[in-house]
Amino acid sequence: MTFDLQPGDRIPTEVELCEYYDLSRITVRQAISALVDEGLLHKQQGRGTFVLASRLAEPLADPEHFLLSGFDAEDPEHIRVYSVETVPAPDWITAKLRLRSSEQVHKVRKVLSPDGYPAAFRTSFIPVRIAPRLPQTDLSQPLYALVEKLYGVDAVEADEVIEFITADEFRAGMLSVSVGHPLILVERIIYSGAGEVLECSRAYYRADLFRLRHRMRRTEEMSQPRRVTVESASVGAGK
């Protein structure tokens, strides 16, 4: 018997592993638990234990463009536009985009499927007054790039907040995972040079498939004392 396992394959049973390696049941069980904890294996109730693919390293910054990261750095062939609609801005997005209560926004949702199954999705909100004809354009491109190219508004600054959450029923359905599955949430708010808010987006990555990578370099400005803000936030409304 040989064990040549690929991502997605079910591993042999504890009994088979005990017999093959001449180990005790408790030793095999502890080894499997350790690999599950490290994100190399995944247990499915009633089905067995399966090999997970290596997690994709998502860069948090790119030298080509400060917004070219995460979703925007992925192969466009792996991204599909899930839905596009123009709607009155929800209350929570009105505050983030600094809108009047009566303003409308374009709501664009994209799904990332690098291996043919959903691994992440992003919901973006852009004020209609900034990009009135955005839904009629090629939305396969990064939205910030479309706004820059078509409407001459440069994105020069952005705030990003990274949180670790668990999937509710909606997000579980979008990513084909169970409720409670761990997710990485990256919320991004983009500003123009004049301080106008151009876009607010929330990207949800399956935590078992992604890890976030960031190279840090100290500059003279960074050597000065800085304040770090710790915030608490609710993500329930941002779908």
Protein backbone atom coordinates (compact mmCIF):
# COMPACT_ATOMS: atom_id res chain seq x y z
CA MET A 1 0.00 0.00 0.00
CA THR A 2 1.30 3.48 -0.87
CA PHE A 3 -0.10 6.87 0.02
CA ASP A 4 0.37 9.36 -2.84
CA LEU A 5 -2.18 11.96 -1.87
CA GLN A 6 -3.10 15.17 -3.66
CA PRO A 7 -5.15 18.17 -2.43
CA GLY A 8 -8.77 17.06 -2.14
CA ASP A 9 -7.92 13.37 -1.56
CA ARG A 10 -9.20 11.58 1.51
CA ILE A 11 -6.46 10.18 3.71
CA PRO A 12 -6.52 6.54 4.84
CA THR A 13 -8.41 5.63 8.00
CA GLU A 14 -6.72 5.58 11.39
CA VAL A 15 -6.73 1.78 11.29
CA GLU A 16 -5.00 1.69 7.90
CA LEU A 17 -2.38 4.19 9.04
CA CYS A 18 -1.74 2.23 12.23
CA GLU A 19 -1.20 -0.97 10.28
CA TYR A 20 0.98 0.63 7.61
CA TYR A 21 3.28 2.54 9.98
CA ASP A 22 3.03 0.11 12.91
CA LEU A 23 1.88 2.87 15.26
CA SER A 24 -0.63 3.05 18.07
CA ARG A 25 -4.11 4.49 17.48
CA ILE A 26 -3.49 7.41 19.84
CA THR A 27 -0.22 8.35 18.05
CA VAL A 28 -1.95 8.42 14.66
CA ARG A 29 -4.88 10.37 16.05
CA GLN A 30 -2.57 12.99 17.60
CA ALA A 31 -0.63 13.31 14.34
CA ILE A 32 -3.82 13.86 12.34
CA SER A 33 -5.06 16.44 14.85
CA ALA A 34 -1.77 18.32 14.60
CA LEU A 35 -1.99 18.44 10.79
CA VAL A 36 -5.59 19.66 11.01
CA ASP A 37 -4.49 22.43 13.39
CA GLU A 38 -1.75 23.44 10.94
CA GLY A 39 -4.26 23.71 8.10
CA LEU A 40 -2.85 20.80 6.11
CA LEU A 41 -5.81 18.48 6.63
CA HIS A 42 -9.54 19.09 7.02
CA LYS A 43 -12.07 16.85 8.76
CA GLN A 44 -15.56 16.52 7.31
CA GLN A 45 -18.22 15.02 9.53
CA GLY A 46 -19.29 11.63 8.24
CA ARG A 47 -16.91 11.71 5.26
CA GLY A 48 -13.38 11.51 6.61
CA THR A 49 -10.24 13.64 6.62
CA PHE A 50 -9.02 15.33 3.44
CA VAL A 51 -5.80 16.92 2.18
CA LEU A 52 -6.00 20.71 1.82
CA ALA A 53 -4.20 22.67 -0.88
CA SER A 54 -1.47 25.08 0.18
CA ARG A 55 -2.88 28.44 1.17
CA LEU A 56 -2.41 31.21 -1.38
CA ALA A 57 -0.23 34.10 -0.20
CA GLU A 58 -2.10 37.35 -0.80
CA PRO A 59 0.23 40.38 -0.85
CA LEU A 60 -0.97 43.41 1.09
CA ALA A 61 0.96 45.79 -1.16
CA ASP A 62 2.47 45.83 -4.65
CA PRO A 63 5.16 48.19 -5.98
CA GLU A 64 3.30 48.66 -9.29
CA HIS A 65 0.29 50.27 -7.64
CA PHE A 66 -0.51 50.67 -3.98
CA LEU A 67 -3.98 49.16 -4.56
CA LEU A 68 -2.78 46.22 -6.65
CA SER A 69 -3.18 43.53 -4.01
CA GLY A 70 -5.48 40.73 -2.97
CA PHE A 71 -8.37 40.47 -5.38
CA ASP A 72 -6.88 42.99 -7.81
CA ALA A 73 -3.64 41.04 -8.16
CA GLU A 74 -5.40 37.78 -9.10
CA ASP A 75 -5.64 36.41 -12.63
CA PRO A 76 -8.74 38.04 -14.20
CA GLU A 77 -9.69 34.64 -15.64
CA HIS A 78 -10.33 33.43 -12.12
CA ILE A 79 -12.69 36.29 -11.28
CA ARG A 80 -16.30 36.58 -12.40
CA VAL A 81 -18.78 39.34 -11.88
CA TYR A 82 -21.48 37.81 -9.72
CA SER A 83 -23.95 40.71 -9.64
CA VAL A 84 -24.23 44.39 -10.52
CA GLU A 85 -26.96 46.73 -9.33
CA THR A 86 -27.56 50.40 -8.64
CA VAL A 87 -29.29 50.88 -5.31
CA PRO A 88 -29.95 53.48 -2.62
CA ALA A 89 -26.96 53.48 -0.30
CA PRO A 90 -27.56 51.40 2.86
CA ASP A 91 -27.16 53.36 6.08
CA TRP A 92 -23.84 51.73 6.98
CA ILE A 93 -22.32 52.50 3.56
CA THR A 94 -23.71 56.06 3.55
CA ALA A 95 -21.51 56.84 6.54
CA LYS A 96 -18.40 55.18 5.09
CA LEU A 97 -18.73 56.91 1.69
CA ARG A 98 -19.78 60.23 3.26
CA LEU A 99 -22.96 60.33 1.20
CA ARG A 100 -26.27 62.07 1.58
CA SER A 101 -29.05 59.72 2.65
CA SER A 102 -30.76 59.95 -0.77
CA GLU A 103 -27.69 59.10 -2.85
CA GLN A 104 -27.34 55.95 -4.90
CA VAL A 105 -24.38 53.62 -5.27
CA HIS A 106 -23.25 50.97 -7.71
CA LYS A 107 -23.00 47.65 -5.87
CA VAL A 108 -20.67 45.20 -7.61
CA ARG A 109 -20.01 41.72 -6.31
CA LYS A 110 -17.20 39.54 -7.70
CA VAL A 111 -16.25 35.95 -6.91
CA LEU A 112 -12.72 34.56 -7.04
CA SER A 113 -12.45 30.89 -8.05
CA PRO A 114 -8.78 30.02 -8.70
CA ASP A 115 -9.41 26.27 -8.84
CA GLY A 116 -12.96 26.24 -10.11
CA TYR A 117 -14.63 26.65 -6.73
CA PRO A 118 -15.33 29.87 -4.79
CA ALA A 119 -12.44 30.86 -2.56
CA ALA A 120 -13.26 34.53 -1.94
CA PHE A 121 -15.75 37.22 -2.87
CA ARG A 122 -15.76 40.99 -2.75
CA THR A 123 -18.62 43.46 -2.58
CA SER A 124 -17.79 47.01 -3.71
CA PHE A 125 -19.81 50.22 -3.42
CA ILE A 126 -19.08 53.25 -5.63
CA PRO A 127 -21.11 56.48 -5.59
CA VAL A 128 -23.13 56.94 -8.78
CA ARG A 129 -22.20 60.63 -8.97
CA ILE A 130 -18.51 59.68 -9.29
CA ALA A 131 -18.93 56.97 -11.96
CA PRO A 132 -22.45 57.28 -13.42
CA ARG A 133 -22.03 54.75 -16.27
CA LEU A 134 -19.85 52.24 -14.46
CA PRO A 135 -22.23 49.23 -14.94
CA GLN A 136 -21.95 49.62 -18.73
CA THR A 137 -18.17 49.15 -18.71
CA ASP A 138 -15.93 46.08 -18.58
CA LEU A 139 -16.16 45.27 -14.88
CA SER A 140 -13.60 42.47 -15.08
CA GLN A 141 -10.97 45.15 -14.46
CA PRO A 142 -10.27 46.46 -10.95
CA LEU A 143 -12.94 49.05 -10.20
CA TYR A 144 -10.50 51.66 -8.91
CA ALA A 145 -8.64 51.42 -12.26
CA LEU A 146 -11.87 51.95 -14.21
CA VAL A 147 -12.76 55.03 -12.19
CA GLU A 148 -9.27 56.44 -12.71
CA LYS A 149 -9.27 55.76 -16.46
CA LEU A 150 -12.84 56.71 -17.35
CA TYR A 151 -13.51 59.57 -14.97
CA GLY A 152 -10.07 61.04 -14.37
CA VAL A 153 -10.22 60.71 -10.60
CA ASP A 154 -6.99 59.37 -9.14
CA ALA A 155 -6.98 57.12 -6.10
CA VAL A 156 -4.16 58.34 -3.88
CA GLU A 157 -4.90 56.94 -0.43
CA ALA A 158 -6.75 54.03 1.17
CA ASP A 159 -7.61 52.66 4.57
CA GLU A 160 -7.66 48.89 5.04
CA VAL A 161 -8.91 46.97 8.04
CA ILE A 162 -8.31 43.22 8.36
CA GLU A 163 -10.50 41.10 10.61
CA PHE A 164 -10.96 37.41 11.24
CA ILE A 165 -14.62 36.40 11.36
CA THR A 166 -16.81 33.33 10.94
CA ALA A 167 -19.22 32.83 8.07
CA ASP A 168 -22.89 33.56 8.59
CA GLU A 169 -25.52 31.88 6.40
CA PHE A 170 -25.12 34.37 3.54
CA ARG A 171 -21.32 34.27 3.36
CA ALA A 172 -21.29 30.49 3.84
CA GLY A 173 -23.59 30.16 0.84
CA MET A 174 -21.42 32.44 -1.30
CA LEU A 175 -18.28 30.41 -0.53
CA SER A 176 -19.84 26.93 -0.34
CA VAL A 177 -18.70 26.39 3.24
CA SER A 178 -20.51 25.62 6.46
CA VAL A 179 -21.84 28.30 8.77
CA GLY A 180 -19.10 29.18 11.24
CA HIS A 181 -16.26 28.58 8.76
CA PRO A 182 -13.30 30.95 9.45
CA LEU A 183 -12.94 33.87 7.03
CA ILE A 184 -10.53 36.76 6.53
CA LEU A 185 -12.32 40.06 5.99
CA VAL A 186 -10.45 42.91 4.29
CA GLU A 187 -12.37 46.18 4.24
CA ARG A 188 -10.94 48.91 2.03
CA ILE A 189 -11.95 52.57 1.67
CA ILE A 190 -10.30 54.48 -1.20
CA TYR A 191 -9.85 58.27 -1.32
CA SER A 192 -9.03 60.76 -4.08
CA GLY A 193 -6.41 63.47 -3.74
CA ALA A 194 -9.17 65.89 -2.74
CA GLY A 195 -10.23 63.55 0.08
CA GLU A 196 -13.38 62.35 -1.67
CA VAL A 197 -14.32 58.73 -0.94
CA LEU A 198 -14.26 56.79 -4.22
CA GLU A 199 -15.04 53.24 -3.12
CA CYS A 200 -15.75 51.05 -0.13
CA SER A 201 -15.28 47.33 -0.52
CA ARG A 202 -15.33 44.24 1.65
CA ALA A 203 -13.51 41.11 0.52
CA TYR A 204 -14.07 37.78 2.27
CA TYR A 205 -11.37 35.12 1.90
CA ARG A 206 -11.63 31.53 3.11
CA ALA A 207 -9.08 31.36 5.91
CA ASP A 208 -8.23 27.76 5.06
CA LEU A 209 -7.16 28.77 1.55
CA PHE A 210 -5.44 32.12 2.03
CA ARG A 211 -2.81 33.79 4.13
CA LEU A 212 -1.89 37.49 3.97
CA ARG A 213 1.71 38.48 3.25
CA HIS A 214 3.21 41.91 3.85
CA ARG A 215 6.81 43.10 3.52
CA MET A 216 7.61 45.88 5.98
CA ARG A 217 10.43 48.39 5.66
CA ARG A 218 11.36 51.05 8.16
CA THR A 219 11.64 54.59 6.83
CA GLU A 220 12.71 57.79 8.51
CA GLU A 221 9.10 58.83 8.88
CA MET A 222 8.25 55.49 10.51
CA SER A 223 10.96 55.98 13.14
CA GLN A 224 8.84 58.69 14.75
CA PRO A 225 6.41 57.61 17.53
CA ARG A 226 2.96 56.81 16.13
CA ARG A 227 -0.38 56.09 17.69
CA VAL A 228 -2.07 52.77 17.00
CA THR A 229 -5.86 52.75 16.98
CA VAL A 230 -7.74 49.66 18.08
CA GLU A 231 -11.35 49.59 16.93
CA SER A 232 -14.32 47.31 17.42
CA ALA A 233 -16.70 46.88 14.52
CA SER A 234 -19.74 44.89 13.47
CA VAL A 235 -19.69 43.30 10.01
CA GLY A 236 -23.19 41.91 9.93
CA ALA A 237 -24.65 44.57 7.62
CA GLY A 238 -21.87 44.60 5.03
CA LYS A 239 -23.05 42.04 2.53
